């Protein structure tokens, strides 16, 4: 059985091109894309012989035999899919082509907007937790367990919100980059 490792990648890249470069670099070192882990924040890589490979991420609502055949004829091999995003690898000189940039733009925009809405809700919850912490510390008899719990949860939410804010920015930036490709 081959070795596998998880490689946090997509949340760090503000464009697909950066993902391509990182995946290509990992493939050269012998770590090849095996699957996308939920939800877009990491890839699972499988170890085997290093080779120079290019990667492509395409958006297509339906993944049927004709779609896969079209990419195969262009020199791309389907690696894996996550929902409507399909990952291919090919030779370094294989021409990149996309079937639905508008759909890809909408997907990235939806992910960014959904993340932004969740972020707003969590920020409101965070403010509530710190207000609770503040109120608990001003009581005559302080319940240390509640103070510690509210502070700990608040701190955890701050860290989580930072990661979520970055992911939100990342996917909105990806949407902007895809929109530029469409023009």
C-alpha atoms as a PDB file:
ATOM      1  CA  UNK A   1       0.000   0.000   0.000  1.00  0.00           C
ATOM      2  CA  UNK A   2       1.324   3.431  -0.904  1.00  0.00           C
ATOM      3  CA  UNK A   3       1.909   6.232   1.551  1.00  0.00           C
ATOM      4  CA  UNK A   4      -0.562   9.108   1.721  1.00  0.00           C
ATOM      5  CA  UNK A   5      -0.405  12.557   3.225  1.00  0.00           C
ATOM      6  CA  UNK A   6      -2.776  15.462   3.505  1.00  0.00           C
ATOM      7  CA  UNK A   7      -1.556  18.688   1.976  1.00  0.00           C
ATOM      8  CA  UNK A   8      -3.366  21.855   2.996  1.00  0.00           C
ATOM      9  CA  UNK A   9      -3.436  23.789  -0.167  1.00  0.00           C
ATOM     10  CA  UNK A  10      -6.533  25.287  -1.660  1.00  0.00           C
ATOM     11  CA  UNK A  11      -7.452  27.619   1.190  1.00  0.00           C
ATOM     12  CA  UNK A  12      -3.989  29.124   0.873  1.00  0.00           C
ATOM     13  CA  UNK A  13      -4.104  29.789  -2.845  1.00  0.00           C
ATOM     14  CA  UNK A  14      -5.972  32.804  -4.163  1.00  0.00           C
ATOM     15  CA  UNK A  15      -5.991  31.406  -7.689  1.00  0.00           C
ATOM     16  CA  UNK A  16      -6.079  28.050  -9.390  1.00  0.00           C
ATOM     17  CA  UNK A  17      -2.685  28.834 -10.926  1.00  0.00           C
ATOM     18  CA  UNK A  18      -1.084  28.754  -7.475  1.00  0.00           C
ATOM     19  CA  UNK A  19      -2.683  25.360  -6.857  1.00  0.00           C
ATOM     20  CA  UNK A  20      -1.288  24.127 -10.177  1.00  0.00           C
ATOM     21  CA  UNK A  21       2.218  25.224  -9.233  1.00  0.00           C
ATOM     22  CA  UNK A  22       2.026  23.586  -5.791  1.00  0.00           C
ATOM     23  CA  UNK A  23       0.590  20.343  -7.164  1.00  0.00           C
ATOM     24  CA  UNK A  24       3.234  20.266  -9.902  1.00  0.00           C
ATOM     25  CA  UNK A  25       5.965  20.820  -7.315  1.00  0.00           C
ATOM     26  CA  UNK A  26       4.624  18.010  -5.137  1.00  0.00           C
ATOM     27  CA  UNK A  27       4.367  15.655  -8.161  1.00  0.00           C
ATOM     28  CA  UNK A  28       8.032  16.327  -8.954  1.00  0.00           C
ATOM     29  CA  UNK A  29       8.846  15.223  -5.382  1.00  0.00           C
ATOM     30  CA  UNK A  30       6.787  12.042  -5.797  1.00  0.00           C
ATOM     31  CA  UNK A  31       3.518  13.174  -4.164  1.00  0.00           C
ATOM     32  CA  UNK A  32       0.561  13.011  -6.551  1.00  0.00           C
ATOM     33  CA  UNK A  33      -3.006  14.179  -6.107  1.00  0.00           C
ATOM     34  CA  UNK A  34      -5.310  11.348  -5.019  1.00  0.00           C
ATOM     35  CA  UNK A  35      -8.419  13.170  -3.793  1.00  0.00           C
ATOM     36  CA  UNK A  36      -9.822  16.460  -2.578  1.00  0.00           C
ATOM     37  CA  UNK A  37     -10.754  16.489   1.091  1.00  0.00           C
ATOM     38  CA  UNK A  38     -13.883  18.186   2.325  1.00  0.00           C
ATOM     39  CA  UNK A  39     -14.448  21.093   1.924  1.00  0.00           C
ATOM     40  CA  UNK A  40     -11.679  22.300  -0.391  1.00  0.00           C
ATOM     41  CA  UNK A  41      -9.219  22.971   2.401  1.00  0.00           C
ATOM     42  CA  UNK A  42      -6.825  20.163   1.605  1.00  0.00           C
ATOM     43  CA  UNK A  43      -5.727  17.572  -0.882  1.00  0.00           C
ATOM     44  CA  UNK A  44      -4.758  14.002  -0.155  1.00  0.00           C
ATOM     45  CA  UNK A  45      -1.554  13.114  -1.952  1.00  0.00           C
ATOM     46  CA  UNK A  46      -0.268   9.643  -2.717  1.00  0.00           C
ATOM     47  CA  UNK A  47       3.409   8.795  -2.934  1.00  0.00           C
ATOM     48  CA  UNK A  48       4.909   7.165  -6.008  1.00  0.00           C
ATOM     49  CA  UNK A  49       7.648   8.000  -8.503  1.00  0.00           C
ATOM     50  CA  UNK A  50       8.252  11.703  -9.052  1.00  0.00           C
ATOM     51  CA  UNK A  51       7.370  13.105 -12.461  1.00  0.00           C
ATOM     52  CA  UNK A  52       6.764  16.465 -14.087  1.00  0.00           C
ATOM     53  CA  UNK A  53       2.997  16.803 -14.390  1.00  0.00           C
ATOM     54  CA  UNK A  54       0.718  19.763 -14.942  1.00  0.00           C
ATOM     55  CA  UNK A  55      -2.657  19.996 -13.204  1.00  0.00           C
ATOM     56  CA  UNK A  56      -5.958  21.482 -14.268  1.00  0.00           C
ATOM     57  CA  UNK A  57      -9.121  22.227 -12.276  1.00  0.00           C
ATOM     58  CA  UNK A  58     -12.266  22.430 -14.370  1.00  0.00           C
ATOM     59  CA  UNK A  59     -15.862  23.150 -13.454  1.00  0.00           C
ATOM     60  CA  UNK A  60     -18.596  21.088 -15.086  1.00  0.00           C
ATOM     61  CA  UNK A  61     -22.056  20.413 -13.674  1.00  0.00           C
ATOM     62  CA  UNK A  62     -22.183  16.907 -15.126  1.00  0.00           C
ATOM     63  CA  UNK A  63     -19.248  14.525 -15.362  1.00  0.00           C
ATOM     64  CA  UNK A  64     -20.196  12.054 -18.058  1.00  0.00           C
ATOM     65  CA  UNK A  65     -18.148   9.828 -20.374  1.00  0.00           C
ATOM     66  CA  UNK A  66     -18.156  12.404 -23.195  1.00  0.00           C
ATOM     67  CA  UNK A  67     -16.749  15.077 -20.885  1.00  0.00           C
ATOM     68  CA  UNK A  68     -13.946  12.797 -19.632  1.00  0.00           C
ATOM     69  CA  UNK A  69     -13.217  11.553 -23.184  1.00  0.00           C
ATOM     70  CA  UNK A  70     -12.869  15.139 -24.435  1.00  0.00           C
ATOM     71  CA  UNK A  71     -10.219  15.840 -21.812  1.00  0.00           C
ATOM     72  CA  UNK A  72      -8.482  12.539 -22.461  1.00  0.00           C
ATOM     73  CA  UNK A  73      -8.226  13.404 -26.169  1.00  0.00           C
ATOM     74  CA  UNK A  74      -6.562  16.699 -25.170  1.00  0.00           C
ATOM     75  CA  UNK A  75      -3.947  14.777 -23.132  1.00  0.00           C
ATOM     76  CA  UNK A  76      -5.478  15.101 -19.652  1.00  0.00           C
ATOM     77  CA  UNK A  77      -6.114  12.248 -17.218  1.00  0.00           C
ATOM     78  CA  UNK A  78      -8.975  12.593 -14.728  1.00  0.00           C
ATOM     79  CA  UNK A  79      -7.630  12.293 -11.172  1.00  0.00           C
ATOM     80  CA  UNK A  80     -10.596  13.029  -8.933  1.00  0.00           C
ATOM     81  CA  UNK A  81     -13.624  15.251  -8.468  1.00  0.00           C
ATOM     82  CA  UNK A  82     -15.244  17.131  -5.650  1.00  0.00           C
ATOM     83  CA  UNK A  83     -18.813  18.096  -6.448  1.00  0.00           C
ATOM     84  CA  UNK A  84     -18.594  19.996  -9.762  1.00  0.00           C
ATOM     85  CA  UNK A  85     -14.838  20.627  -9.664  1.00  0.00           C
ATOM     86  CA  UNK A  86     -12.830  18.080 -11.626  1.00  0.00           C
ATOM     87  CA  UNK A  87      -9.080  17.633 -11.303  1.00  0.00           C
ATOM     88  CA  UNK A  88      -6.935  16.472 -14.218  1.00  0.00           C
ATOM     89  CA  UNK A  89      -3.230  15.921 -14.751  1.00  0.00           C
ATOM     90  CA  UNK A  90      -1.230  15.881 -17.950  1.00  0.00           C
ATOM     91  CA  UNK A  91       2.138  16.623 -19.455  1.00  0.00           C
ATOM     92  CA  UNK A  92       3.728  20.016 -18.909  1.00  0.00           C
ATOM     93  CA  UNK A  93       3.044  21.053 -22.518  1.00  0.00           C
ATOM     94  CA  UNK A  94      -0.614  19.959 -22.470  1.00  0.00           C
ATOM     95  CA  UNK A  95      -2.846  22.898 -23.383  1.00  0.00           C
ATOM     96  CA  UNK A  96      -5.262  24.069 -20.713  1.00  0.00           C
ATOM     97  CA  UNK A  97      -8.901  24.405 -21.717  1.00  0.00           C
ATOM     98  CA  UNK A  98     -11.973  24.967 -19.604  1.00  0.00           C
ATOM     99  CA  UNK A  99     -15.545  24.004 -20.323  1.00  0.00           C
ATOM    100  CA  UNK A 100     -17.458  26.369 -18.025  1.00  0.00           C
ATOM    101  CA  UNK A 101     -15.643  29.379 -16.601  1.00  0.00           C
ATOM    102  CA  UNK A 102     -18.947  31.075 -15.775  1.00  0.00           C
ATOM    103  CA  UNK A 103     -19.973  28.081 -13.641  1.00  0.00           C
ATOM    104  CA  UNK A 104     -16.590  28.054 -11.928  1.00  0.00           C
ATOM    105  CA  UNK A 105     -16.917  31.780 -11.198  1.00  0.00           C
ATOM    106  CA  UNK A 106     -20.384  31.260  -9.702  1.00  0.00           C
ATOM    107  CA  UNK A 107     -19.158  28.347  -7.556  1.00  0.00           C
ATOM    108  CA  UNK A 108     -16.211  30.297  -6.108  1.00  0.00           C
ATOM    109  CA  UNK A 109     -18.417  33.344  -5.556  1.00  0.00           C
ATOM    110  CA  UNK A 110     -21.026  31.171  -3.784  1.00  0.00           C
ATOM    111  CA  UNK A 111     -18.376  29.617  -1.518  1.00  0.00           C
ATOM    112  CA  UNK A 112     -16.967  33.073  -0.713  1.00  0.00           C
ATOM    113  CA  UNK A 113     -20.386  34.591  -0.009  1.00  0.00           C
ATOM    114  CA  UNK A 114     -21.502  31.631   2.120  1.00  0.00           C
ATOM    115  CA  UNK A 115     -18.267  31.830   4.106  1.00  0.00           C
ATOM    116  CA  UNK A 116     -18.837  35.569   4.580  1.00  0.00           C
ATOM    117  CA  UNK A 117     -22.357  34.983   5.947  1.00  0.00           C
ATOM    118  CA  UNK A 118     -21.115  32.318   8.351  1.00  0.00           C
ATOM    119  CA  UNK A 119     -18.310  34.660   9.391  1.00  0.00           C
ATOM    120  CA  UNK A 120     -20.783  37.436  10.255  1.00  0.00           C
ATOM    121  CA  UNK A 121     -22.882  35.044  12.382  1.00  0.00           C
ATOM    122  CA  UNK A 122     -19.811  33.710  14.167  1.00  0.00           C
ATOM    123  CA  UNK A 123     -18.488  37.218  14.792  1.00  0.00           C
ATOM    124  CA  UNK A 124     -21.820  38.124  16.415  1.00  0.00           C
ATOM    125  CA  UNK A 125     -21.577  34.972  18.550  1.00  0.00           C
ATOM    126  CA  UNK A 126     -17.994  35.907  19.417  1.00  0.00           C
ATOM    127  CA  UNK A 127     -19.058  39.360  20.576  1.00  0.00           C
ATOM    128  CA  UNK A 128     -21.791  37.751  22.688  1.00  0.00           C
ATOM    129  CA  UNK A 129     -19.305  35.368  24.296  1.00  0.00           C
ATOM    130  CA  UNK A 130     -16.891  38.146  25.191  1.00  0.00           C
ATOM    131  CA  UNK A 131     -19.770  40.264  26.546  1.00  0.00           C
ATOM    132  CA  UNK A 132     -20.736  37.265  28.704  1.00  0.00           C
ATOM    133  CA  UNK A 133     -17.120  36.906  29.813  1.00  0.00           C
ATOM    134  CA  UNK A 134     -17.010  40.605  30.710  1.00  0.00           C
ATOM    135  CA  UNK A 135     -20.295  40.415  32.654  1.00  0.00           C
ATOM    136  CA  UNK A 136     -19.179  37.275  34.527  1.00  0.00           C
ATOM    137  CA  UNK A 137     -15.928  38.870  35.648  1.00  0.00           C
ATOM    138  CA  UNK A 138     -17.767  41.866  37.133  1.00  0.00           C
ATOM    139  CA  UNK A 139     -20.032  39.815  39.376  1.00  0.00           C
ATOM    140  CA  UNK A 140     -19.528  39.884  43.155  1.00  0.00           C
ATOM    141  CA  UNK A 141     -19.157  36.093  43.214  1.00  0.00           C
ATOM    142  CA  UNK A 142     -17.177  34.962  40.184  1.00  0.00           C
ATOM    143  CA  UNK A 143     -17.851  31.490  38.797  1.00  0.00           C
ATOM    144  CA  UNK A 144     -14.372  30.650  37.524  1.00  0.00           C
ATOM    145  CA  UNK A 145     -15.570  27.716  35.421  1.00  0.00           C
ATOM    146  CA  UNK A 146     -18.032  29.875  33.476  1.00  0.00           C
ATOM    147  CA  UNK A 147     -15.464  32.639  33.057  1.00  0.00           C
ATOM    148  CA  UNK A 148     -12.886  30.159  31.792  1.00  0.00           C
ATOM    149  CA  UNK A 149     -15.402  28.469  29.493  1.00  0.00           C
ATOM    150  CA  UNK A 150     -16.681  31.727  27.957  1.00  0.00           C
ATOM    151  CA  UNK A 151     -13.144  33.035  27.495  1.00  0.00           C
ATOM    152  CA  UNK A 152     -11.912  29.750  25.980  1.00  0.00           C
ATOM    153  CA  UNK A 153     -14.833  29.518  23.560  1.00  0.00           C
ATOM    154  CA  UNK A 154     -14.400  33.171  22.635  1.00  0.00           C
ATOM    155  CA  UNK A 155     -10.704  32.695  21.957  1.00  0.00           C
ATOM    156  CA  UNK A 156     -11.371  29.574  19.886  1.00  0.00           C
ATOM    157  CA  UNK A 157     -13.954  31.486  17.845  1.00  0.00           C
ATOM    158  CA  UNK A 158     -11.509  34.337  17.247  1.00  0.00           C
ATOM    159  CA  UNK A 159      -8.983  31.880  15.782  1.00  0.00           C
ATOM    160  CA  UNK A 160     -11.647  30.088  13.761  1.00  0.00           C
ATOM    161  CA  UNK A 161     -12.963  33.426  12.475  1.00  0.00           C
ATOM    162  CA  UNK A 162      -9.472  34.393  11.303  1.00  0.00           C
ATOM    163  CA  UNK A 163      -9.194  31.191   9.284  1.00  0.00           C
ATOM    164  CA  UNK A 164     -12.715  31.620   7.925  1.00  0.00           C
ATOM    165  CA  UNK A 165     -12.027  35.265   7.015  1.00  0.00           C
ATOM    166  CA  UNK A 166      -8.953  34.182   5.077  1.00  0.00           C
ATOM    167  CA  UNK A 167     -10.903  31.412   3.309  1.00  0.00           C
ATOM    168  CA  UNK A 168     -13.632  33.916   2.444  1.00  0.00           C
ATOM    169  CA  UNK A 169     -11.087  36.328   0.992  1.00  0.00           C
ATOM    170  CA  UNK A 170      -9.400  33.486  -0.889  1.00  0.00           C
ATOM    171  CA  UNK A 171     -12.526  32.278  -2.653  1.00  0.00           C
ATOM    172  CA  UNK A 172     -13.711  35.772  -3.488  1.00  0.00           C
ATOM    173  CA  UNK A 173     -10.232  36.425  -4.941  1.00  0.00           C
ATOM    174  CA  UNK A 174     -10.470  33.177  -6.925  1.00  0.00           C
ATOM    175  CA  UNK A 175     -13.849  34.291  -8.278  1.00  0.00           C
ATOM    176  CA  UNK A 176     -12.297  37.613  -9.342  1.00  0.00           C
ATOM    177  CA  UNK A 177      -9.407  35.812 -11.054  1.00  0.00           C
ATOM    178  CA  UNK A 178     -11.785  33.486 -12.937  1.00  0.00           C
ATOM    179  CA  UNK A 179     -13.858  36.517 -13.996  1.00  0.00           C
ATOM    180  CA  UNK A 180     -10.671  38.064 -15.441  1.00  0.00           C
ATOM    181  CA  UNK A 181     -10.012  34.842 -17.400  1.00  0.00           C
ATOM    182  CA  UNK A 182     -13.507  35.088 -18.867  1.00  0.00           C
ATOM    183  CA  UNK A 183     -12.853  38.556 -20.342  1.00  0.00           C
END
